[in-house]
Amino acid sequence: MGVDREGEEDTGMSHLQDSILDFLKSNPGKTKMEIADGIGANAKTLHHAIVGLRRFGLVRAKYAGHKVLWEAV
C-alpha cells in the first residue's frame, strides 16, 4: 500500500525538507518566499520545515538588513 522506496536512502527528512535542501544547494542565499516560489510550496508551510533543518545544522540563516537569507551548510 505504501510507496516503494527500495534503493532510496531514508534521510529521516520530509519530502518538503528534501526539496528545500536541494533547492538551497543550487540557490544559496534565498529568502523563505524565494524558496517557496522555487519549489512550489507555501511560505508559511516552509517555516516549520526550515526550523527542523536548522536544528539539525543542515541550513543556516544569514542576515542582510531586514532580510533573512537561507543557505545549505
PDB file of N, CA and C in Angstrom:
ATOM      1  N   MET A   1       0.806  -1.190   0.000  1.00  0.00           N
ATOM      2  CA  MET A   1       0.000   0.000   0.000  1.00  0.00           C
ATOM      3  C   MET A   1       0.854   1.261   0.000  1.00  0.00           C
ATOM      4  N   GLY A   2       2.037   1.222   0.678  1.00  0.00           N
ATOM      5  CA  GLY A   2       2.893   2.396   0.759  1.00  0.00           C
ATOM      6  C   GLY A   2       3.684   2.589  -0.522  1.00  0.00           C
ATOM      7  N   VAL A   3       4.450   3.650  -0.536  1.00  0.00           N
ATOM      8  CA  VAL A   3       5.292   3.970  -1.676  1.00  0.00           C
ATOM      9  C   VAL A   3       6.505   3.062  -1.665  1.00  0.00           C
ATOM     10  N   ASP A   4       6.856   2.524  -2.819  1.00  0.00           N
ATOM     11  CA  ASP A   4       8.025   1.670  -2.930  1.00  0.00           C
ATOM     12  C   ASP A   4       9.263   2.554  -2.968  1.00  0.00           C
ATOM     13  N   ARG A   5      10.062   2.491  -1.903  1.00  0.00           N
ATOM     14  CA  ARG A   5      11.246   3.345  -1.809  1.00  0.00           C
ATOM     15  C   ARG A   5      12.509   2.495  -1.803  1.00  0.00           C
ATOM     16  N   GLU A   6      12.426   1.304  -2.380  1.00  0.00           N
ATOM     17  CA  GLU A   6      13.588   0.430  -2.428  1.00  0.00           C
ATOM     18  C   GLU A   6      14.727   1.130  -3.159  1.00  0.00           C
ATOM     19  N   GLY A   7      15.894   1.081  -2.560  1.00  0.00           N
ATOM     20  CA  GLY A   7      17.050   1.704  -3.173  1.00  0.00           C
ATOM     21  C   GLY A   7      17.221   3.166  -2.810  1.00  0.00           C
ATOM     22  N   GLU A   8      16.212   3.763  -2.161  1.00  0.00           N
ATOM     23  CA  GLU A   8      16.323   5.153  -1.731  1.00  0.00           C
ATOM     24  C   GLU A   8      16.822   5.192  -0.305  1.00  0.00           C
ATOM     25  N   GLU A   9      17.701   6.143  -0.013  1.00  0.00           N
ATOM     26  CA  GLU A   9      18.199   6.330   1.338  1.00  0.00           C
ATOM     27  C   GLU A   9      17.150   7.042   2.169  1.00  0.00           C
ATOM     28  N   ASP A  10      16.875   6.523   3.366  1.00  0.00           N
ATOM     29  CA  ASP A  10      15.928   7.166   4.258  1.00  0.00           C
ATOM     30  C   ASP A  10      16.692   8.202   5.075  1.00  0.00           C
ATOM     31  N   THR A  11      16.479   9.474   4.771  1.00  0.00           N
ATOM     32  CA  THR A  11      17.190  10.550   5.436  1.00  0.00           C
ATOM     33  C   THR A  11      16.517  10.979   6.728  1.00  0.00           C
ATOM     34  N   GLY A  12      15.280  10.527   6.951  1.00  0.00           N
ATOM     35  CA  GLY A  12      14.534  10.959   8.119  1.00  0.00           C
ATOM     36  C   GLY A  12      13.915  12.334   7.932  1.00  0.00           C
ATOM     37  N   MET A  13      14.081  12.909   6.748  1.00  0.00           N
ATOM     38  CA  MET A  13      13.513  14.221   6.464  1.00  0.00           C
ATOM     39  C   MET A  13      12.238  14.055   5.655  1.00  0.00           C
ATOM     40  N   SER A  14      11.394  15.066   5.742  1.00  0.00           N
ATOM     41  CA  SER A  14      10.175  15.062   4.940  1.00  0.00           C
ATOM     42  C   SER A  14      10.523  15.385   3.490  1.00  0.00           C
ATOM     43  N   HIS A  15       9.588  15.122   2.613  1.00  0.00           N
ATOM     44  CA  HIS A  15       9.774  15.459   1.198  1.00  0.00           C
ATOM     45  C   HIS A  15      10.009  16.968   1.048  1.00  0.00           C
ATOM     46  N   LEU A  16       9.278  17.757   1.822  1.00  0.00           N
ATOM     47  CA  LEU A  16       9.432  19.212   1.773  1.00  0.00           C
ATOM     48  C   LEU A  16      10.843  19.615   2.194  1.00  0.00           C
ATOM     49  N   GLN A  17      11.351  19.016   3.261  1.00  0.00           N
ATOM     50  CA  GLN A  17      12.704  19.335   3.708  1.00  0.00           C
ATOM     51  C   GLN A  17      13.743  18.933   2.662  1.00  0.00           C
ATOM     52  N   ASP A  18      13.557  17.778   2.055  1.00  0.00           N
ATOM     53  CA  ASP A  18      14.459  17.357   0.973  1.00  0.00           C
ATOM     54  C   ASP A  18      14.447  18.376  -0.158  1.00  0.00           C
ATOM     55  N   SER A  19      13.260  18.854  -0.516  1.00  0.00           N
ATOM     56  CA  SER A  19      13.124  19.824  -1.600  1.00  0.00           C
ATOM     57  C   SER A  19      13.805  21.147  -1.253  1.00  0.00           C
ATOM     58  N   ILE A  20      13.624  21.592  -0.023  1.00  0.00           N
ATOM     59  CA  ILE A  20      14.252  22.839   0.423  1.00  0.00           C
ATOM     60  C   ILE A  20      15.766  22.716   0.364  1.00  0.00           C
ATOM     61  N   LEU A  21      16.282  21.628   0.893  1.00  0.00           N
ATOM     62  CA  LEU A  21      17.731  21.426   0.929  1.00  0.00           C
ATOM     63  C   LEU A  21      18.313  21.346  -0.477  1.00  0.00           C
ATOM     64  N   ASP A  22      17.662  20.606  -1.356  1.00  0.00           N
ATOM     65  CA  ASP A  22      18.128  20.515  -2.747  1.00  0.00           C
ATOM     66  C   ASP A  22      18.112  21.891  -3.412  1.00  0.00           C
ATOM     67  N   PHE A  23      17.045  22.652  -3.180  1.00  0.00           N
ATOM     68  CA  PHE A  23      16.932  23.986  -3.766  1.00  0.00           C
ATOM     69  C   PHE A  23      18.048  24.896  -3.267  1.00  0.00           C
ATOM     70  N   LEU A  24      18.300  24.875  -1.952  1.00  0.00           N
ATOM     71  CA  LEU A  24      19.310  25.764  -1.385  1.00  0.00           C
ATOM     72  C   LEU A  24      20.734  25.372  -1.778  1.00  0.00           C
ATOM     73  N   LYS A  25      20.955  24.107  -2.055  1.00  0.00           N
ATOM     74  CA  LYS A  25      22.285  23.693  -2.530  1.00  0.00           C
ATOM     75  C   LYS A  25      22.584  24.334  -3.879  1.00  0.00           C
ATOM     76  N   SER A  26      21.571  24.485  -4.697  1.00  0.00           N
ATOM     77  CA  SER A  26      21.723  25.083  -6.028  1.00  0.00           C
ATOM     78  C   SER A  26      21.503  26.592  -6.027  1.00  0.00           C
ATOM     79  N   ASN A  27      20.810  27.097  -5.013  1.00  0.00           N
ATOM     80  CA  ASN A  27      20.411  28.512  -4.971  1.00  0.00           C
ATOM     81  C   ASN A  27      20.632  29.082  -3.574  1.00  0.00           C
ATOM     82  N   PRO A  28      21.867  29.240  -3.143  1.00  0.00           N
ATOM     83  CA  PRO A  28      22.101  29.752  -1.785  1.00  0.00           C
ATOM     84  C   PRO A  28      21.691  31.218  -1.648  1.00  0.00           C
ATOM     85  N   GLY A  29      21.413  31.603  -0.409  1.00  0.00           N
ATOM     86  CA  GLY A  29      21.105  32.996  -0.122  1.00  0.00           C
ATOM     87  C   GLY A  29      19.728  33.433  -0.559  1.00  0.00           C
ATOM     88  N   LYS A  30      18.732  32.592  -0.324  1.00  0.00           N
ATOM     89  CA  LYS A  30      17.355  32.909  -0.723  1.00  0.00           C
ATOM     90  C   LYS A  30      16.481  33.141   0.505  1.00  0.00           C
ATOM     91  N   THR A  31      15.479  33.997   0.356  1.00  0.00           N
ATOM     92  CA  THR A  31      14.504  34.218   1.419  1.00  0.00           C
ATOM     93  C   THR A  31      13.505  33.061   1.429  1.00  0.00           C
ATOM     94  N   LYS A  32      12.707  32.979   2.487  1.00  0.00           N
ATOM     95  CA  LYS A  32      11.670  31.941   2.541  1.00  0.00           C
ATOM     96  C   LYS A  32      10.719  32.057   1.357  1.00  0.00           C
ATOM     97  N   MET A  33      10.359  33.280   0.994  1.00  0.00           N
ATOM     98  CA  MET A  33       9.440  33.481  -0.128  1.00  0.00           C
ATOM     99  C   MET A  33      10.065  32.981  -1.432  1.00  0.00           C
ATOM    100  N   GLU A  34      11.332  33.260  -1.629  1.00  0.00           N
ATOM    101  CA  GLU A  34      12.024  32.804  -2.841  1.00  0.00           C
ATOM    102  C   GLU A  34      12.140  31.278  -2.865  1.00  0.00           C
ATOM    103  N   ILE A  35      12.377  30.688  -1.692  1.00  0.00           N
ATOM    104  CA  ILE A  35      12.431  29.223  -1.611  1.00  0.00           C
ATOM    105  C   ILE A  35      11.065  28.648  -1.952  1.00  0.00           C
ATOM    106  N   ALA A  36      10.017  29.212  -1.349  1.00  0.00           N
ATOM    107  CA  ALA A  36       8.655  28.741  -1.602  1.00  0.00           C
ATOM    108  C   ALA A  36       8.325  28.814  -3.086  1.00  0.00           C
ATOM    109  N   ASP A  37       8.635  29.949  -3.703  1.00  0.00           N
ATOM    110  CA  ASP A  37       8.388  30.099  -5.146  1.00  0.00           C
ATOM    111  C   ASP A  37       9.189  29.086  -5.947  1.00  0.00           C
ATOM    112  N   GLY A  38      10.428  28.864  -5.537  1.00  0.00           N
ATOM    113  CA  GLY A  38      11.319  27.966  -6.272  1.00  0.00           C
ATOM    114  C   GLY A  38      10.906  26.507  -6.241  1.00  0.00           C
ATOM    115  N   ILE A  39      10.270  26.101  -5.130  1.00  0.00           N
ATOM    116  CA  ILE A  39       9.876  24.689  -5.027  1.00  0.00           C
ATOM    117  C   ILE A  39       8.368  24.497  -5.132  1.00  0.00           C
ATOM    118  N   GLY A  40       7.640  25.595  -5.299  1.00  0.00           N
ATOM    119  CA  GLY A  40       6.183  25.495  -5.452  1.00  0.00           C
ATOM    120  C   GLY A  40       5.463  25.156  -4.165  1.00  0.00           C
ATOM    121  N   ALA A  41       5.906  25.752  -3.053  1.00  0.00           N
ATOM    122  CA  ALA A  41       5.298  25.477  -1.756  1.00  0.00           C
ATOM    123  C   ALA A  41       4.785  26.775  -1.142  1.00  0.00           C
ATOM    124  N   ASN A  42       4.027  26.649  -0.081  1.00  0.00           N
ATOM    125  CA  ASN A  42       3.503  27.778   0.664  1.00  0.00           C
ATOM    126  C   ASN A  42       4.574  28.269   1.633  1.00  0.00           C
ATOM    127  N   ALA A  43       4.819  29.568   1.682  1.00  0.00           N
ATOM    128  CA  ALA A  43       5.860  30.127   2.547  1.00  0.00           C
ATOM    129  C   ALA A  43       5.604  29.842   4.025  1.00  0.00           C
ATOM    130  N   LYS A  44       4.344  29.833   4.450  1.00  0.00           N
ATOM    131  CA  LYS A  44       4.035  29.542   5.852  1.00  0.00           C
ATOM    132  C   LYS A  44       4.353  28.085   6.190  1.00  0.00           C
ATOM    133  N   THR A  45       4.108  27.198   5.265  1.00  0.00           N
ATOM    134  CA  THR A  45       4.408  25.778   5.469  1.00  0.00           C
ATOM    135  C   THR A  45       5.914  25.564   5.591  1.00  0.00           C
ATOM    136  N   LEU A  46       6.676  26.361   4.888  1.00  0.00           N
ATOM    137  CA  LEU A  46       8.135  26.247   4.895  1.00  0.00           C
ATOM    138  C   LEU A  46       8.734  26.496   6.270  1.00  0.00           C
ATOM    139  N   HIS A  47       8.114  27.349   7.054  1.00  0.00           N
ATOM    140  CA  HIS A  47       8.692  27.753   8.334  1.00  0.00           C
ATOM    141  C   HIS A  47       9.106  26.564   9.194  1.00  0.00           C
ATOM    142  N   HIS A  48       8.194  25.645   9.442  1.00  0.00           N
ATOM    143  CA  HIS A  48       8.484  24.505  10.316  1.00  0.00           C
ATOM    144  C   HIS A  48       9.536  23.591   9.705  1.00  0.00           C
ATOM    145  N   ALA A  49       9.491  23.430   8.396  1.00  0.00           N
ATOM    146  CA  ALA A  49      10.480  22.585   7.727  1.00  0.00           C
ATOM    147  C   ALA A  49      11.879  23.192   7.845  1.00  0.00           C
ATOM    148  N   ILE A  50      11.978  24.502   7.674  1.00  0.00           N
ATOM    149  CA  ILE A  50      13.278  25.170   7.779  1.00  0.00           C
ATOM    150  C   ILE A  50      13.792  25.146   9.218  1.00  0.00           C
ATOM    151  N   VAL A  51      12.898  25.326  10.183  1.00  0.00           N
ATOM    152  CA  VAL A  51      13.298  25.259  11.588  1.00  0.00           C
ATOM    153  C   VAL A  51      13.918  23.889  11.883  1.00  0.00           C
ATOM    154  N   GLY A  52      13.299  22.830  11.378  1.00  0.00           N
ATOM    155  CA  GLY A  52      13.843  21.486  11.578  1.00  0.00           C
ATOM    156  C   GLY A  52      15.203  21.317  10.929  1.00  0.00           C
ATOM    157  N   LEU A  53      15.350  21.810   9.708  1.00  0.00           N
ATOM    158  CA  LEU A  53      16.636  21.721   9.013  1.00  0.00           C
ATOM    159  C   LEU A  53      17.713  22.500   9.762  1.00  0.00           C
ATOM    160  N   ARG A  54      17.335  23.652  10.291  1.00  0.00           N
ATOM    161  CA  ARG A  54      18.294  24.473  11.036  1.00  0.00           C
ATOM    162  C   ARG A  54      18.703  23.785  12.327  1.00  0.00           C
ATOM    163  N   ARG A  55      17.743  23.174  13.009  1.00  0.00           N
ATOM    164  CA  ARG A  55      18.006  22.484  14.274  1.00  0.00           C
ATOM    165  C   ARG A  55      19.058  21.385  14.086  1.00  0.00           C
ATOM    166  N   PHE A  56      19.024  20.734  12.940  1.00  0.00           N
ATOM    167  CA  PHE A  56      19.979  19.659  12.674  1.00  0.00           C
ATOM    168  C   PHE A  56      21.230  20.146  11.950  1.00  0.00           C
ATOM    169  N   GLY A  57      21.373  21.466  11.821  1.00  0.00           N
ATOM    170  CA  GLY A  57      22.584  22.033  11.243  1.00  0.00           C
ATOM    171  C   GLY A  57      22.714  21.859   9.742  1.00  0.00           C
ATOM    172  N   LEU A  58      21.599  21.686   9.048  1.00  0.00           N
ATOM    173  CA  LEU A  58      21.642  21.468   7.604  1.00  0.00           C
ATOM    174  C   LEU A  58      21.483  22.741   6.796  1.00  0.00           C
ATOM    175  N   VAL A  59      20.904  23.765   7.423  1.00  0.00           N
ATOM    176  CA  VAL A  59      20.790  25.089   6.788  1.00  0.00           C
ATOM    177  C   VAL A  59      21.169  26.139   7.822  1.00  0.00           C
ATOM    178  N   ARG A  60      21.534  27.311   7.330  1.00  0.00           N
ATOM    179  CA  ARG A  60      21.808  28.425   8.234  1.00  0.00           C
ATOM    180  C   ARG A  60      21.234  29.700   7.640  1.00  0.00           C
ATOM    181  N   ALA A  61      20.970  30.641   8.540  1.00  0.00           N
ATOM    182  CA  ALA A  61      20.427  31.935   8.139  1.00  0.00           C
ATOM    183  C   ALA A  61      21.547  32.961   8.148  1.00  0.00           C
ATOM    184  N   LYS A  62      21.516  33.820   7.153  1.00  0.00           N
ATOM    185  CA  LYS A  62      22.404  34.979   7.121  1.00  0.00           C
ATOM    186  C   LYS A  62      21.504  36.196   7.045  1.00  0.00           C
ATOM    187  N   TYR A  63      21.900  37.227   7.738  1.00  0.00           N
ATOM    188  CA  TYR A  63      21.061  38.412   7.812  1.00  0.00           C
ATOM    189  C   TYR A  63      21.647  39.526   6.959  1.00  0.00           C
ATOM    190  N   ALA A  64      20.808  40.076   6.098  1.00  0.00           N
ATOM    191  CA  ALA A  64      21.172  41.184   5.217  1.00  0.00           C
ATOM    192  C   ALA A  64      20.148  42.293   5.445  1.00  0.00           C
ATOM    193  N   GLY A  65      20.462  43.179   6.360  1.00  0.00           N
ATOM    194  CA  GLY A  65      19.485  44.196   6.735  1.00  0.00           C
ATOM    195  C   GLY A  65      18.298  43.531   7.400  1.00  0.00           C
ATOM    196  N   HIS A  66      17.121  43.734   6.846  1.00  0.00           N
ATOM    197  CA  HIS A  66      15.911  43.115   7.392  1.00  0.00           C
ATOM    198  C   HIS A  66      15.603  41.774   6.748  1.00  0.00           C
ATOM    199  N   LYS A  67      16.376  41.387   5.767  1.00  0.00           N
ATOM    200  CA  LYS A  67      16.143  40.108   5.085  1.00  0.00           C
ATOM    201  C   LYS A  67      16.889  38.979   5.779  1.00  0.00           C
ATOM    202  N   VAL A  68      16.248  37.811   5.806  1.00  0.00           N
ATOM    203  CA  VAL A  68      16.893  36.601   6.287  1.00  0.00           C
ATOM    204  C   VAL A  68      17.119  35.723   5.062  1.00  0.00           C
ATOM    205  N   LEU A  69      18.376  35.451   4.788  1.00  0.00           N
ATOM    206  CA  LEU A  69      18.742  34.638   3.621  1.00  0.00           C
ATOM    207  C   LEU A  69      19.201  33.278   4.097  1.00  0.00           C
ATOM    208  N   TRP A  70      18.690  32.239   3.470  1.00  0.00           N
ATOM    209  CA  TRP A  70      18.959  30.860   3.882  1.00  0.00           C
ATOM    210  C   TRP A  70      19.909  30.186   2.901  1.00  0.00           C
ATOM    211  N   GLU A  71      20.762  29.309   3.453  1.00  0.00           N
ATOM    212  CA  GLU A  71      21.657  28.535   2.606  1.00  0.00           C
ATOM    213  C   GLU A  71      21.907  27.172   3.243  1.00  0.00           C
ATOM    214  N   ALA A  72      22.211  26.207   2.392  1.00  0.00           N
ATOM    215  CA  ALA A  72      22.547  24.868   2.871  1.00  0.00           C
ATOM    216  C   ALA A  72      23.949  24.922   3.455  1.00  0.00           C
ATOM    217  N   VAL A  73      24.189  24.115   4.463  1.00  0.00           N
ATOM    218  CA  VAL A  73      25.507  24.062   5.098  1.00  0.00           C
ATOM    219  C   VAL A  73      26.353  23.001   4.442  1.00  0.00           C
TER     220      VAL A  73
END
